[in-house]
Amino acid sequence: MKTMSAKRPAIKGLYAITPDETDTAELLRKVRLALQGGVQVLQYRNKSADAALKLQQAHALCQLTREFSSTFIVNDDARLAAEVEADGVHLGGEDGSVAAAGALLGGAGIIGVSCYNRAPLALEAARQGADYVAFGAFFPSSVKPEAVKADVQLLRTVRAELNVPIVAIGGITAQNGGALIDAGADALAVITALWDAADIEQAAREFSNLFRQGRTA
C-alpha cells in the first residue's frame, strides 16, 4: 500500500466540505471564518454551480487556503483540481479511477476515495494508490439523508489494516465526533454543523479542539 509522501500536506483534523453557495463573496467570507477556527482541510463541493462558477470559486478558495497553509481538495473533478492547482481531488463511487485522477494531477496530487461502509473497497483503493479513504455516514445526515450507514466499529477494524489517513463523514457534530477520533479517524468531514452554526469560527474551533485532546482509546 502507498503511504503519504512527506512532501504532501497531511489529511488530518477538521475537514470542511463547502456548502452549495452561489455567492462567491459570501462563500469566501464563511470559509475564512472556518479557516480562522482551525480547518486543516477544505474540500470544494458545489452541486448547483455551473462550470464557470465552479472554476471561479475553486480558484478563489485555493488562494484562500494557501493564506492559511491549509490543504485544498476538489470534489469529484480531477480536471478542475489540476486547473486551479489544488492539492488534490476526492473521488466518489462514480468519479473514475485512482489511476486516471493521478494522471490528470501529474502524479503529485492527493487522491481521496469515498468507501462508504465497505472496508474491502478501502483496502483496494489504498492498494491502487489512494492517499486517504473516507467512510460514512456514521450519523444521520441532512445533506445525504439516504446515505449508507457506517458503524463506528468499522473505524477500529480498518485502522488496524490501513496505513493511509481515514476520514469520517456523516452527521458529525462536536458532541459525537470525539468517539470517531477515538475509534481511529484522522479527520472529521463536516458540513452542516459547521456552516449552519451561528458562529462558524467558534464551531470550527470546537471541532479542532477534539483533536488537540487526543485519542482516549
N, C-alpha and C. Protein backbone atom coordinates (compact mmCIF):
# COMPACT_ATOMS: atom_id res chain seq x y z
N MET A 1 0.83 -1.20 0.00
CA MET A 1 0.00 0.00 0.00
C MET A 1 0.86 1.25 0.00
N LYS A 2 0.29 2.31 -0.45
CA LYS A 2 1.01 3.57 -0.59
C LYS A 2 0.87 4.41 0.67
N THR A 3 1.94 5.00 1.11
CA THR A 3 1.88 5.91 2.25
C THR A 3 1.96 7.34 1.73
N MET A 4 1.51 8.28 2.56
CA MET A 4 1.54 9.68 2.16
C MET A 4 2.98 10.14 1.99
N SER A 5 3.23 10.87 0.92
CA SER A 5 4.54 11.47 0.73
C SER A 5 4.78 12.52 1.80
N ALA A 6 6.02 12.58 2.28
CA ALA A 6 6.34 13.57 3.31
C ALA A 6 6.19 14.99 2.77
N LYS A 7 6.23 15.13 1.45
CA LYS A 7 6.13 16.45 0.84
C LYS A 7 4.68 16.90 0.66
N ARG A 8 3.74 15.99 0.85
CA ARG A 8 2.34 16.32 0.64
C ARG A 8 1.70 16.79 1.94
N PRO A 9 0.73 17.69 1.84
CA PRO A 9 0.00 18.11 3.04
C PRO A 9 -0.69 16.92 3.67
N ALA A 10 -0.74 16.89 4.98
CA ALA A 10 -1.39 15.78 5.68
C ALA A 10 -2.91 15.95 5.65
N ILE A 11 -3.60 14.82 5.64
CA ILE A 11 -5.06 14.82 5.78
C ILE A 11 -5.36 14.48 7.23
N LYS A 12 -5.69 15.51 8.00
CA LYS A 12 -5.93 15.32 9.42
C LYS A 12 -6.73 16.49 9.96
N GLY A 13 -7.33 16.29 11.12
CA GLY A 13 -8.04 17.37 11.78
C GLY A 13 -9.40 17.65 11.18
N LEU A 14 -9.85 18.89 11.30
CA LEU A 14 -11.16 19.28 10.79
C LEU A 14 -11.10 19.42 9.27
N TYR A 15 -11.95 18.65 8.59
CA TYR A 15 -12.01 18.59 7.14
C TYR A 15 -13.36 19.17 6.73
N ALA A 16 -13.36 20.42 6.32
CA ALA A 16 -14.61 21.12 6.00
C ALA A 16 -14.96 20.93 4.53
N ILE A 17 -16.22 20.62 4.27
CA ILE A 17 -16.73 20.50 2.90
C ILE A 17 -17.66 21.67 2.66
N THR A 18 -17.40 22.42 1.60
CA THR A 18 -18.15 23.66 1.38
C THR A 18 -19.63 23.41 1.10
N PRO A 19 -20.47 24.37 1.47
CA PRO A 19 -21.90 24.30 1.16
C PRO A 19 -22.14 24.75 -0.27
N ASP A 20 -23.30 24.44 -0.82
CA ASP A 20 -23.68 24.97 -2.14
C ASP A 20 -24.00 26.45 -1.97
N GLU A 21 -23.13 27.30 -2.43
CA GLU A 21 -23.28 28.75 -2.27
C GLU A 21 -22.93 29.43 -3.59
N THR A 22 -23.91 30.07 -4.21
CA THR A 22 -23.67 30.72 -5.50
C THR A 22 -23.01 32.08 -5.37
N ASP A 23 -23.11 32.69 -4.20
CA ASP A 23 -22.50 34.00 -3.96
C ASP A 23 -21.05 33.76 -3.52
N THR A 24 -20.11 33.99 -4.43
CA THR A 24 -18.71 33.68 -4.14
C THR A 24 -18.17 34.50 -2.97
N ALA A 25 -18.55 35.75 -2.89
CA ALA A 25 -18.07 36.59 -1.78
C ALA A 25 -18.55 36.04 -0.44
N GLU A 26 -19.80 35.59 -0.39
CA GLU A 26 -20.34 35.02 0.84
C GLU A 26 -19.65 33.70 1.17
N LEU A 27 -19.39 32.90 0.15
CA LEU A 27 -18.68 31.64 0.37
C LEU A 27 -17.30 31.90 0.96
N LEU A 28 -16.60 32.84 0.40
CA LEU A 28 -15.25 33.16 0.90
C LEU A 28 -15.30 33.71 2.32
N ARG A 29 -16.33 34.48 2.62
CA ARG A 29 -16.47 35.01 3.99
C ARG A 29 -16.62 33.86 4.98
N LYS A 30 -17.48 32.92 4.66
CA LYS A 30 -17.71 31.80 5.55
C LYS A 30 -16.47 30.92 5.70
N VAL A 31 -15.82 30.67 4.57
CA VAL A 31 -14.63 29.81 4.60
C VAL A 31 -13.50 30.47 5.39
N ARG A 32 -13.35 31.76 5.25
CA ARG A 32 -12.30 32.45 6.02
C ARG A 32 -12.54 32.27 7.52
N LEU A 33 -13.78 32.40 7.94
CA LEU A 33 -14.09 32.20 9.36
C LEU A 33 -13.74 30.79 9.81
N ALA A 34 -14.07 29.81 8.97
CA ALA A 34 -13.78 28.42 9.31
C ALA A 34 -12.28 28.17 9.38
N LEU A 35 -11.54 28.75 8.45
CA LEU A 35 -10.08 28.59 8.46
C LEU A 35 -9.48 29.25 9.70
N GLN A 36 -10.02 30.39 10.08
CA GLN A 36 -9.55 31.06 11.29
C GLN A 36 -9.81 30.20 12.52
N GLY A 37 -10.86 29.37 12.46
CA GLY A 37 -11.18 28.49 13.57
C GLY A 37 -10.39 27.20 13.60
N GLY A 38 -9.62 26.95 12.55
CA GLY A 38 -8.73 25.79 12.60
C GLY A 38 -8.96 24.70 11.56
N VAL A 39 -9.75 24.98 10.53
CA VAL A 39 -9.92 23.99 9.46
C VAL A 39 -8.56 23.68 8.84
N GLN A 40 -8.24 22.39 8.74
CA GLN A 40 -6.96 21.99 8.18
C GLN A 40 -7.07 21.50 6.74
N VAL A 41 -8.26 21.01 6.39
CA VAL A 41 -8.51 20.56 5.02
C VAL A 41 -9.84 21.15 4.56
N LEU A 42 -9.85 21.72 3.36
CA LEU A 42 -11.08 22.26 2.79
C LEU A 42 -11.35 21.55 1.47
N GLN A 43 -12.55 20.98 1.37
CA GLN A 43 -12.96 20.38 0.11
C GLN A 43 -14.01 21.27 -0.55
N TYR A 44 -13.76 21.63 -1.80
CA TYR A 44 -14.73 22.42 -2.56
C TYR A 44 -15.73 21.48 -3.21
N ARG A 45 -16.98 21.64 -2.82
CA ARG A 45 -18.07 20.82 -3.36
C ARG A 45 -19.26 21.75 -3.59
N ASN A 46 -19.71 21.85 -4.83
CA ASN A 46 -20.88 22.67 -5.14
C ASN A 46 -21.65 21.97 -6.25
N LYS A 47 -22.75 21.32 -5.88
CA LYS A 47 -23.53 20.53 -6.82
C LYS A 47 -24.46 21.38 -7.67
N SER A 48 -24.63 22.66 -7.34
CA SER A 48 -25.59 23.51 -8.06
C SER A 48 -24.93 24.50 -9.00
N ALA A 49 -23.62 24.67 -8.92
CA ALA A 49 -22.93 25.67 -9.73
C ALA A 49 -22.63 25.15 -11.13
N ASP A 50 -22.58 26.08 -12.10
CA ASP A 50 -22.18 25.69 -13.45
C ASP A 50 -20.65 25.70 -13.52
N ALA A 51 -20.11 25.29 -14.67
CA ALA A 51 -18.67 25.13 -14.80
C ALA A 51 -17.91 26.42 -14.57
N ALA A 52 -18.43 27.53 -15.07
CA ALA A 52 -17.74 28.81 -14.92
C ALA A 52 -17.67 29.24 -13.46
N LEU A 53 -18.77 29.06 -12.74
CA LEU A 53 -18.79 29.43 -11.33
C LEU A 53 -17.88 28.52 -10.52
N LYS A 54 -17.89 27.24 -10.83
CA LYS A 54 -17.01 26.30 -10.13
C LYS A 54 -15.55 26.71 -10.31
N LEU A 55 -15.19 27.08 -11.51
CA LEU A 55 -13.81 27.48 -11.77
C LEU A 55 -13.46 28.74 -10.98
N GLN A 56 -14.37 29.71 -10.98
CA GLN A 56 -14.14 30.95 -10.24
C GLN A 56 -13.99 30.66 -8.74
N GLN A 57 -14.91 29.90 -8.19
CA GLN A 57 -14.88 29.63 -6.76
C GLN A 57 -13.69 28.78 -6.36
N ALA A 58 -13.38 27.78 -7.18
CA ALA A 58 -12.24 26.92 -6.85
C ALA A 58 -10.93 27.69 -6.86
N HIS A 59 -10.77 28.58 -7.83
CA HIS A 59 -9.57 29.43 -7.87
C HIS A 59 -9.47 30.28 -6.60
N ALA A 60 -10.57 30.92 -6.25
CA ALA A 60 -10.57 31.81 -5.09
C ALA A 60 -10.30 31.04 -3.79
N LEU A 61 -10.93 29.88 -3.65
CA LEU A 61 -10.75 29.09 -2.44
C LEU A 61 -9.33 28.53 -2.34
N CYS A 62 -8.77 28.17 -3.47
CA CYS A 62 -7.41 27.67 -3.47
C CYS A 62 -6.46 28.73 -2.93
N GLN A 63 -6.63 29.96 -3.39
CA GLN A 63 -5.78 31.06 -2.90
C GLN A 63 -5.99 31.31 -1.41
N LEU A 64 -7.23 31.22 -0.97
CA LEU A 64 -7.54 31.47 0.43
C LEU A 64 -6.92 30.41 1.33
N THR A 65 -6.98 29.16 0.92
CA THR A 65 -6.39 28.11 1.74
C THR A 65 -4.87 28.24 1.81
N ARG A 66 -4.27 28.75 0.75
CA ARG A 66 -2.82 28.98 0.78
C ARG A 66 -2.46 29.99 1.87
N GLU A 67 -3.32 30.98 2.03
CA GLU A 67 -3.09 32.01 3.05
C GLU A 67 -3.00 31.40 4.44
N PHE A 68 -3.75 30.31 4.65
CA PHE A 68 -3.80 29.67 5.97
C PHE A 68 -2.98 28.37 6.03
N SER A 69 -2.26 28.08 4.96
CA SER A 69 -1.47 26.84 4.88
C SER A 69 -2.33 25.60 5.11
N SER A 70 -3.58 25.66 4.62
CA SER A 70 -4.49 24.53 4.72
C SER A 70 -4.50 23.76 3.40
N THR A 71 -4.93 22.52 3.47
CA THR A 71 -4.97 21.65 2.29
C THR A 71 -6.27 21.87 1.52
N PHE A 72 -6.16 22.01 0.19
CA PHE A 72 -7.34 22.27 -0.63
C PHE A 72 -7.61 21.09 -1.57
N ILE A 73 -8.80 20.53 -1.44
CA ILE A 73 -9.23 19.37 -2.21
C ILE A 73 -10.47 19.75 -3.03
N VAL A 74 -10.54 19.28 -4.26
CA VAL A 74 -11.71 19.49 -5.11
C VAL A 74 -12.52 18.20 -5.17
N ASN A 75 -13.82 18.30 -5.00
CA ASN A 75 -14.69 17.14 -5.04
C ASN A 75 -14.96 16.71 -6.47
N ASP A 76 -14.84 15.42 -6.74
CA ASP A 76 -15.29 14.78 -7.99
C ASP A 76 -14.46 15.06 -9.23
N ASP A 77 -13.91 16.25 -9.39
CA ASP A 77 -13.41 16.72 -10.68
C ASP A 77 -11.89 16.90 -10.68
N ALA A 78 -11.17 15.87 -11.16
CA ALA A 78 -9.71 15.94 -11.18
C ALA A 78 -9.21 16.99 -12.17
N ARG A 79 -9.96 17.20 -13.25
CA ARG A 79 -9.55 18.23 -14.22
C ARG A 79 -9.60 19.62 -13.60
N LEU A 80 -10.66 19.89 -12.86
CA LEU A 80 -10.78 21.18 -12.19
C LEU A 80 -9.69 21.32 -11.14
N ALA A 81 -9.43 20.25 -10.40
CA ALA A 81 -8.38 20.29 -9.38
C ALA A 81 -7.03 20.64 -10.01
N ALA A 82 -6.74 20.03 -11.16
CA ALA A 82 -5.48 20.31 -11.84
C ALA A 82 -5.44 21.74 -12.35
N GLU A 83 -6.56 22.22 -12.87
CA GLU A 83 -6.60 23.56 -13.47
C GLU A 83 -6.33 24.65 -12.44
N VAL A 84 -6.85 24.48 -11.22
CA VAL A 84 -6.67 25.52 -10.20
C VAL A 84 -5.46 25.23 -9.30
N GLU A 85 -4.75 24.14 -9.60
CA GLU A 85 -3.58 23.73 -8.82
C GLU A 85 -3.94 23.45 -7.37
N ALA A 86 -5.05 22.73 -7.21
CA ALA A 86 -5.44 22.28 -5.87
C ALA A 86 -4.45 21.24 -5.37
N ASP A 87 -4.52 20.96 -4.07
CA ASP A 87 -3.64 19.93 -3.51
C ASP A 87 -4.08 18.53 -3.91
N GLY A 88 -5.37 18.38 -4.28
CA GLY A 88 -5.82 17.06 -4.66
C GLY A 88 -7.29 17.01 -5.01
N VAL A 89 -7.80 15.79 -5.15
CA VAL A 89 -9.18 15.56 -5.55
C VAL A 89 -9.77 14.46 -4.68
N HIS A 90 -11.08 14.54 -4.47
CA HIS A 90 -11.80 13.48 -3.75
C HIS A 90 -12.74 12.79 -4.72
N LEU A 91 -12.65 11.46 -4.79
CA LEU A 91 -13.43 10.68 -5.73
C LEU A 91 -14.54 9.91 -5.02
N GLY A 92 -15.76 10.00 -5.58
CA GLY A 92 -16.86 9.18 -5.12
C GLY A 92 -16.89 7.89 -5.91
N GLY A 93 -17.92 7.11 -5.70
CA GLY A 93 -18.01 5.81 -6.34
C GLY A 93 -18.12 5.85 -7.85
N GLU A 94 -18.60 6.97 -8.40
CA GLU A 94 -18.81 7.08 -9.85
C GLU A 94 -17.86 8.10 -10.49
N ASP A 95 -16.79 8.44 -9.82
CA ASP A 95 -15.94 9.54 -10.29
C ASP A 95 -14.65 9.10 -10.97
N GLY A 96 -14.57 7.84 -11.37
CA GLY A 96 -13.38 7.39 -12.09
C GLY A 96 -12.35 6.76 -11.17
N SER A 97 -11.28 6.29 -11.77
CA SER A 97 -10.27 5.52 -11.05
C SER A 97 -9.21 6.40 -10.41
N VAL A 98 -8.52 5.82 -9.45
CA VAL A 98 -7.40 6.50 -8.81
C VAL A 98 -6.31 6.79 -9.84
N ALA A 99 -6.07 5.82 -10.71
CA ALA A 99 -5.02 5.98 -11.73
C ALA A 99 -5.34 7.13 -12.68
N ALA A 100 -6.59 7.23 -13.12
CA ALA A 100 -6.97 8.30 -14.04
C ALA A 100 -6.84 9.66 -13.39
N ALA A 101 -7.27 9.76 -12.13
CA ALA A 101 -7.13 11.03 -11.40
C ALA A 101 -5.67 11.39 -11.21
N GLY A 102 -4.87 10.38 -10.90
CA GLY A 102 -3.45 10.62 -10.71
C GLY A 102 -2.78 11.14 -11.96
N ALA A 103 -3.20 10.62 -13.11
CA ALA A 103 -2.64 11.07 -14.39
C ALA A 103 -2.99 12.54 -14.65
N LEU A 104 -4.23 12.91 -14.34
CA LEU A 104 -4.66 14.29 -14.54
C LEU A 104 -3.93 15.26 -13.61
N LEU A 105 -3.58 14.77 -12.43
CA LEU A 105 -2.91 15.61 -11.45
C LEU A 105 -1.39 15.54 -11.59
N GLY A 106 -0.93 14.84 -12.59
CA GLY A 106 0.50 14.76 -12.82
C GLY A 106 1.25 13.90 -11.83
N GLY A 107 0.52 13.05 -11.12
CA GLY A 107 1.14 12.14 -10.17
C GLY A 107 1.53 12.77 -8.86
N ALA A 108 1.23 14.06 -8.70
CA ALA A 108 1.69 14.76 -7.49
C ALA A 108 0.57 15.08 -6.51
N GLY A 109 -0.68 15.02 -6.94
CA GLY A 109 -1.78 15.44 -6.08
C GLY A 109 -2.26 14.35 -5.14
N ILE A 110 -2.93 14.81 -4.10
CA ILE A 110 -3.58 13.91 -3.14
C ILE A 110 -4.86 13.36 -3.75
N ILE A 111 -5.10 12.08 -3.58
CA ILE A 111 -6.32 11.46 -4.07
C ILE A 111 -7.02 10.77 -2.90
N GLY A 112 -8.26 11.21 -2.64
CA GLY A 112 -9.08 10.58 -1.60
C GLY A 112 -10.22 9.82 -2.26
N VAL A 113 -10.69 8.79 -1.59
CA VAL A 113 -11.74 7.94 -2.15
C VAL A 113 -12.82 7.67 -1.11
N SER A 114 -14.08 7.87 -1.49
CA SER A 114 -15.21 7.52 -0.63
C SER A 114 -15.39 6.00 -0.62
N CYS A 115 -15.43 5.42 0.56
CA CYS A 115 -15.57 3.97 0.68
C CYS A 115 -16.82 3.57 1.45
N TYR A 116 -17.63 4.55 1.83
CA TYR A 116 -18.95 4.33 2.42
C TYR A 116 -18.84 3.47 3.69
N ASN A 117 -19.33 2.24 3.65
CA ASN A 117 -19.20 1.36 4.82
C ASN A 117 -18.52 0.05 4.44
N ARG A 118 -17.65 0.13 3.43
CA ARG A 118 -17.05 -1.08 2.86
C ARG A 118 -15.53 -1.10 3.05
N ALA A 119 -15.08 -1.87 4.01
CA ALA A 119 -13.65 -1.99 4.27
C ALA A 119 -12.88 -2.53 3.06
N PRO A 120 -13.40 -3.55 2.35
CA PRO A 120 -12.65 -4.06 1.19
C PRO A 120 -12.41 -2.99 0.13
N LEU A 121 -13.37 -2.09 -0.05
CA LEU A 121 -13.21 -1.01 -1.01
C LEU A 121 -12.06 -0.10 -0.61
N ALA A 122 -11.93 0.15 0.67
CA ALA A 122 -10.84 0.99 1.17
C ALA A 122 -9.49 0.33 0.98
N LEU A 123 -9.42 -0.96 1.25
CA LEU A 123 -8.17 -1.68 1.08
C LEU A 123 -7.74 -1.68 -0.38
N GLU A 124 -8.71 -1.84 -1.28
CA GLU A 124 -8.39 -1.82 -2.70
C GLU A 124 -7.99 -0.43 -3.16
N ALA A 125 -8.67 0.60 -2.64
CA ALA A 125 -8.32 1.98 -3.01
C ALA A 125 -6.89 2.29 -2.58
N ALA A 126 -6.53 1.88 -1.37
CA ALA A 126 -5.16 2.11 -0.89
C ALA A 126 -4.15 1.35 -1.74
N ARG A 127 -4.50 0.13 -2.14
CA ARG A 127 -3.62 -0.67 -2.98
C ARG A 127 -3.38 0.02 -4.32
N GLN A 128 -4.42 0.68 -4.83
CA GLN A 128 -4.31 1.36 -6.12
C GLN A 128 -3.59 2.70 -6.02
N GLY A 129 -3.32 3.15 -4.80
CA GLY A 129 -2.56 4.39 -4.62
C GLY A 129 -3.30 5.55 -4.02
N ALA A 130 -4.51 5.33 -3.49
CA ALA A 130 -5.24 6.42 -2.83
C ALA A 130 -4.44 6.91 -1.63
N ASP A 131 -4.47 8.22 -1.41
CA ASP A 131 -3.72 8.81 -0.30
C ASP A 131 -4.53 8.87 0.99
N TYR A 132 -5.85 8.80 0.89
CA TYR A 132 -6.70 8.68 2.07
C TYR A 132 -8.03 8.09 1.65
N VAL A 133 -8.75 7.56 2.63
CA VAL A 133 -10.07 6.99 2.37
C VAL A 133 -11.08 7.61 3.33
N ALA A 134 -12.35 7.63 2.91
CA ALA A 134 -13.41 8.22 3.73
C ALA A 134 -14.53 7.22 3.93
N PHE A 135 -15.04 7.16 5.15
CA PHE A 135 -16.16 6.28 5.49
C PHE A 135 -17.31 7.09 6.06
N GLY A 136 -18.52 6.60 5.86
CA GLY A 136 -19.71 7.23 6.42
C GLY A 136 -20.93 6.86 5.59
N ALA A 137 -22.11 7.21 6.07
CA ALA A 137 -22.38 8.17 7.14
C ALA A 137 -22.46 7.46 8.50
N PHE A 138 -21.79 8.06 9.49
CA PHE A 138 -21.80 7.48 10.82
C PHE A 138 -23.03 7.89 11.63
N PHE A 139 -23.59 9.04 11.29
CA PHE A 139 -24.79 9.53 11.97
C PHE A 139 -25.76 10.06 10.90
N PRO A 140 -27.03 10.23 11.24
CA PRO A 140 -27.98 10.75 10.26
C PRO A 140 -27.51 12.08 9.68
N SER A 141 -27.58 12.20 8.35
CA SER A 141 -27.08 13.38 7.66
C SER A 141 -28.19 14.10 6.92
N SER A 142 -28.31 15.40 7.16
CA SER A 142 -29.32 16.18 6.45
C SER A 142 -28.89 16.46 5.01
N VAL A 143 -27.58 16.41 4.75
CA VAL A 143 -27.08 16.65 3.39
C VAL A 143 -27.35 15.44 2.51
N LYS A 144 -27.13 14.23 3.06
CA LYS A 144 -27.38 12.99 2.32
C LYS A 144 -28.19 12.05 3.22
N PRO A 145 -29.49 12.31 3.35
CA PRO A 145 -30.32 11.50 4.25
C PRO A 145 -30.42 10.04 3.85
N GLU A 146 -30.18 9.72 2.58
CA GLU A 146 -30.26 8.34 2.11
C GLU A 146 -28.90 7.65 2.10
N ALA A 147 -27.88 8.28 2.65
CA ALA A 147 -26.54 7.70 2.63
C ALA A 147 -26.50 6.39 3.41
N VAL A 148 -25.66 5.47 2.95
CA VAL A 148 -25.49 4.21 3.67
C VAL A 148 -24.94 4.51 5.05
N LYS A 149 -25.25 3.67 6.00
CA LYS A 149 -24.81 3.86 7.38
C LYS A 149 -23.54 3.06 7.66
N ALA A 150 -22.63 3.70 8.35
CA ALA A 150 -21.39 3.06 8.76
C ALA A 150 -21.35 2.97 10.28
N ASP A 151 -20.78 1.89 10.78
CA ASP A 151 -20.69 1.67 12.22
C ASP A 151 -19.32 2.11 12.72
N VAL A 152 -19.29 2.66 13.93
CA VAL A 152 -18.02 3.13 14.50
C VAL A 152 -17.00 2.01 14.58
N GLN A 153 -17.45 0.79 14.79
CA GLN A 153 -16.53 -0.35 14.88
C GLN A 153 -15.73 -0.51 13.58
N LEU A 154 -16.32 -0.08 12.47
CA LEU A 154 -15.62 -0.16 11.19
C LEU A 154 -14.29 0.59 11.25
N LEU A 155 -14.29 1.73 11.91
CA LEU A 155 -13.06 2.52 12.02
C LEU A 155 -11.97 1.75 12.77
N ARG A 156 -12.37 1.07 13.83
CA ARG A 156 -11.39 0.30 14.60
C ARG A 156 -10.81 -0.83 13.75
N THR A 157 -11.66 -1.45 12.96
CA THR A 157 -11.22 -2.57 12.13
C THR A 157 -10.25 -2.10 11.05
N VAL A 158 -10.63 -1.06 10.31
CA VAL A 158 -9.78 -0.63 9.19
C VAL A 158 -8.54 0.10 9.67
N ARG A 159 -8.59 0.70 10.85
CA ARG A 159 -7.42 1.39 11.37
C ARG A 159 -6.25 0.42 11.52
N ALA A 160 -6.57 -0.82 11.88
CA ALA A 160 -5.52 -1.82 12.08
C ALA A 160 -4.97 -2.34 10.75
N GLU A 161 -5.69 -2.10 9.65
CA GLU A 161 -5.30 -2.67 8.37
C GLU A 161 -4.79 -1.65 7.37
N LEU A 162 -5.07 -0.38 7.59
CA LEU A 162 -4.72 0.66 6.62
C LEU A 162 -3.55 1.51 7.10
N ASN A 163 -2.71 1.92 6.17
CA ASN A 163 -1.62 2.84 6.52
C ASN A 163 -1.79 4.19 5.84
N VAL A 164 -3.04 4.51 5.46
CA VAL A 164 -3.35 5.84 4.92
C VAL A 164 -4.35 6.51 5.86
N PRO A 165 -4.44 7.83 5.84
CA PRO A 165 -5.38 8.53 6.72
C PRO A 165 -6.83 8.14 6.45
N ILE A 166 -7.62 8.16 7.51
CA ILE A 166 -9.04 7.81 7.45
C ILE A 166 -9.87 9.03 7.80
N VAL A 167 -10.83 9.35 6.94
CA VAL A 167 -11.74 10.47 7.15
C VAL A 167 -13.13 9.91 7.47
N ALA A 168 -13.76 10.43 8.50
CA ALA A 168 -15.13 10.05 8.86
C ALA A 168 -16.07 11.17 8.45
N ILE A 169 -17.26 10.80 7.96
CA ILE A 169 -18.22 11.79 7.49
C ILE A 169 -19.64 11.33 7.81
N GLY A 170 -20.56 12.30 7.88
CA GLY A 170 -21.97 11.96 8.03
C GLY A 170 -22.56 12.34 9.37
N GLY A 171 -23.21 13.50 9.43
CA GLY A 171 -23.91 13.91 10.64
C GLY A 171 -23.02 14.18 11.83
N ILE A 172 -21.76 14.52 11.58
CA ILE A 172 -20.80 14.68 12.68
C ILE A 172 -20.96 16.05 13.34
N THR A 173 -20.94 16.04 14.66
CA THR A 173 -21.01 17.26 15.46
C THR A 173 -19.85 17.28 16.45
N ALA A 174 -19.68 18.39 17.13
CA ALA A 174 -18.64 18.48 18.15
C ALA A 174 -18.94 17.56 19.33
N GLN A 175 -20.21 17.15 19.45
CA GLN A 175 -20.60 16.27 20.55
C GLN A 175 -20.34 14.79 20.24
N ASN A 176 -20.49 14.38 18.98
CA ASN A 176 -20.29 12.96 18.67
C ASN A 176 -18.97 12.67 17.96
N GLY A 177 -18.25 13.70 17.56
CA GLY A 177 -17.03 13.50 16.79
C GLY A 177 -15.90 12.86 17.57
N GLY A 178 -15.83 13.09 18.86
CA GLY A 178 -14.75 12.53 19.65
C GLY A 178 -14.70 11.01 19.61
N ALA A 179 -15.87 10.37 19.58
CA ALA A 179 -15.93 8.91 19.53
C ALA A 179 -15.31 8.38 18.24
N LEU A 180 -15.44 9.13 17.15
CA LEU A 180 -14.87 8.71 15.88
C LEU A 180 -13.35 8.86 15.88
N ILE A 181 -12.87 9.91 16.51
CA ILE A 181 -11.42 10.08 16.65
C ILE A 181 -10.85 8.96 17.51
N ASP A 182 -11.53 8.66 18.60
CA ASP A 182 -11.09 7.57 19.47
C ASP A 182 -11.03 6.24 18.73
N ALA A 183 -11.95 6.05 17.79
CA ALA A 183 -12.02 4.78 17.06
C ALA A 183 -11.01 4.70 15.92
N GLY A 184 -10.37 5.82 15.58
CA GLY A 184 -9.33 5.76 14.57
C GLY A 184 -9.39 6.77 13.45
N ALA A 185 -10.39 7.65 13.46
CA ALA A 185 -10.48 8.66 12.39
C ALA A 185 -9.36 9.69 12.53
N ASP A 186 -8.69 9.98 11.43
CA ASP A 186 -7.65 11.01 11.42
C ASP A 186 -8.24 12.39 11.16
N ALA A 187 -9.40 12.41 10.49
CA ALA A 187 -10.05 13.67 10.15
C ALA A 187 -11.55 13.50 10.24
N LEU A 188 -12.24 14.60 10.56
CA LEU A 188 -13.70 14.62 10.59
C LEU A 188 -14.19 15.56 9.51
N ALA A 189 -14.95 15.01 8.56
CA ALA A 189 -15.52 15.82 7.48
C ALA A 189 -16.87 16.36 7.92
N VAL A 190 -17.02 17.67 7.85
CA VAL A 190 -18.20 18.32 8.41
C VAL A 190 -18.79 19.31 7.40
N ILE A 191 -20.11 19.36 7.33
CA ILE A 191 -20.80 20.34 6.50
C ILE A 191 -21.77 21.14 7.38
N THR A 192 -22.91 20.54 7.69
CA THR A 192 -23.99 21.25 8.36
C THR A 192 -23.60 21.84 9.71
N ALA A 193 -22.96 21.06 10.56
CA ALA A 193 -22.64 21.52 11.91
C ALA A 193 -21.66 22.69 11.91
N LEU A 194 -20.98 22.87 10.80
CA LEU A 194 -20.05 23.99 10.68
C LEU A 194 -20.72 25.20 10.04
N TRP A 195 -21.26 25.03 8.84
CA TRP A 195 -21.77 26.17 8.07
C TRP A 195 -23.10 26.71 8.58
N ASP A 196 -23.87 25.87 9.27
CA ASP A 196 -25.15 26.34 9.82
C ASP A 196 -25.01 26.90 11.23
N ALA A 197 -23.79 26.90 11.75
CA ALA A 197 -23.57 27.40 13.11
C ALA A 197 -23.74 28.92 13.15
N ALA A 198 -24.23 29.42 14.27
CA ALA A 198 -24.38 30.86 14.44
C ALA A 198 -23.03 31.56 14.41
N ASP A 199 -21.99 30.87 14.89
CA ASP A 199 -20.62 31.39 14.90
C ASP A 199 -19.73 30.34 14.25
N ILE A 200 -19.45 30.50 12.97
CA ILE A 200 -18.69 29.50 12.22
C ILE A 200 -17.28 29.33 12.78
N GLU A 201 -16.64 30.41 13.09
CA GLU A 201 -15.27 30.32 13.61
C GLU A 201 -15.23 29.55 14.93
N GLN A 202 -16.18 29.82 15.82
CA GLN A 202 -16.21 29.12 17.09
C GLN A 202 -16.54 27.64 16.90
N ALA A 203 -17.45 27.35 15.97
CA ALA A 203 -17.79 25.95 15.69
C ALA A 203 -16.56 25.19 15.19
N ALA A 204 -15.79 25.83 14.31
CA ALA A 204 -14.57 25.21 13.80
C ALA A 204 -13.57 24.98 14.94
N ARG A 205 -13.50 25.93 15.82
CA ARG A 205 -12.56 25.81 16.95
C ARG A 205 -12.96 24.64 17.86
N GLU A 206 -14.24 24.44 18.05
CA GLU A 206 -14.70 23.34 18.90
C GLU A 206 -14.35 21.99 18.28
N PHE A 207 -14.50 21.88 16.97
CA PHE A 207 -14.10 20.65 16.30
C PHE A 207 -12.59 20.45 16.39
N SER A 208 -11.84 21.51 16.16
CA SER A 208 -10.39 21.41 16.20
C SER A 208 -9.89 20.99 17.58
N ASN A 209 -10.58 21.44 18.61
CA ASN A 209 -10.19 21.10 19.98
C ASN A 209 -10.31 19.60 20.25
N LEU A 210 -11.22 18.93 19.53
CA LEU A 210 -11.36 17.49 19.71
C LEU A 210 -10.06 16.76 19.39
N PHE A 211 -9.34 17.26 18.40
CA PHE A 211 -8.08 16.62 18.01
C PHE A 211 -6.96 16.97 18.96
N ARG A 212 -7.01 18.15 19.53
CA ARG A 212 -5.97 18.54 20.48
C ARG A 212 -6.07 17.73 21.76
N GLN A 213 -7.27 17.26 22.07
CA GLN A 213 -7.46 16.45 23.27
C GLN A 213 -6.86 15.06 23.11
N GLY A 214 -6.66 14.63 21.85
CA GLY A 214 -6.05 13.34 21.60
C GLY A 214 -7.00 12.19 21.78
N ARG A 215 -6.59 11.03 21.27
CA ARG A 215 -7.41 9.83 21.40
C ARG A 215 -7.37 9.32 22.83
N THR A 216 -8.52 8.84 23.26
CA THR A 216 -8.59 8.28 24.62
C THR A 216 -8.74 6.76 24.58
N ALA A 217 -8.78 6.20 23.37
CA ALA A 217 -8.93 4.75 23.24
C ALA A 217 -7.97 4.23 22.20
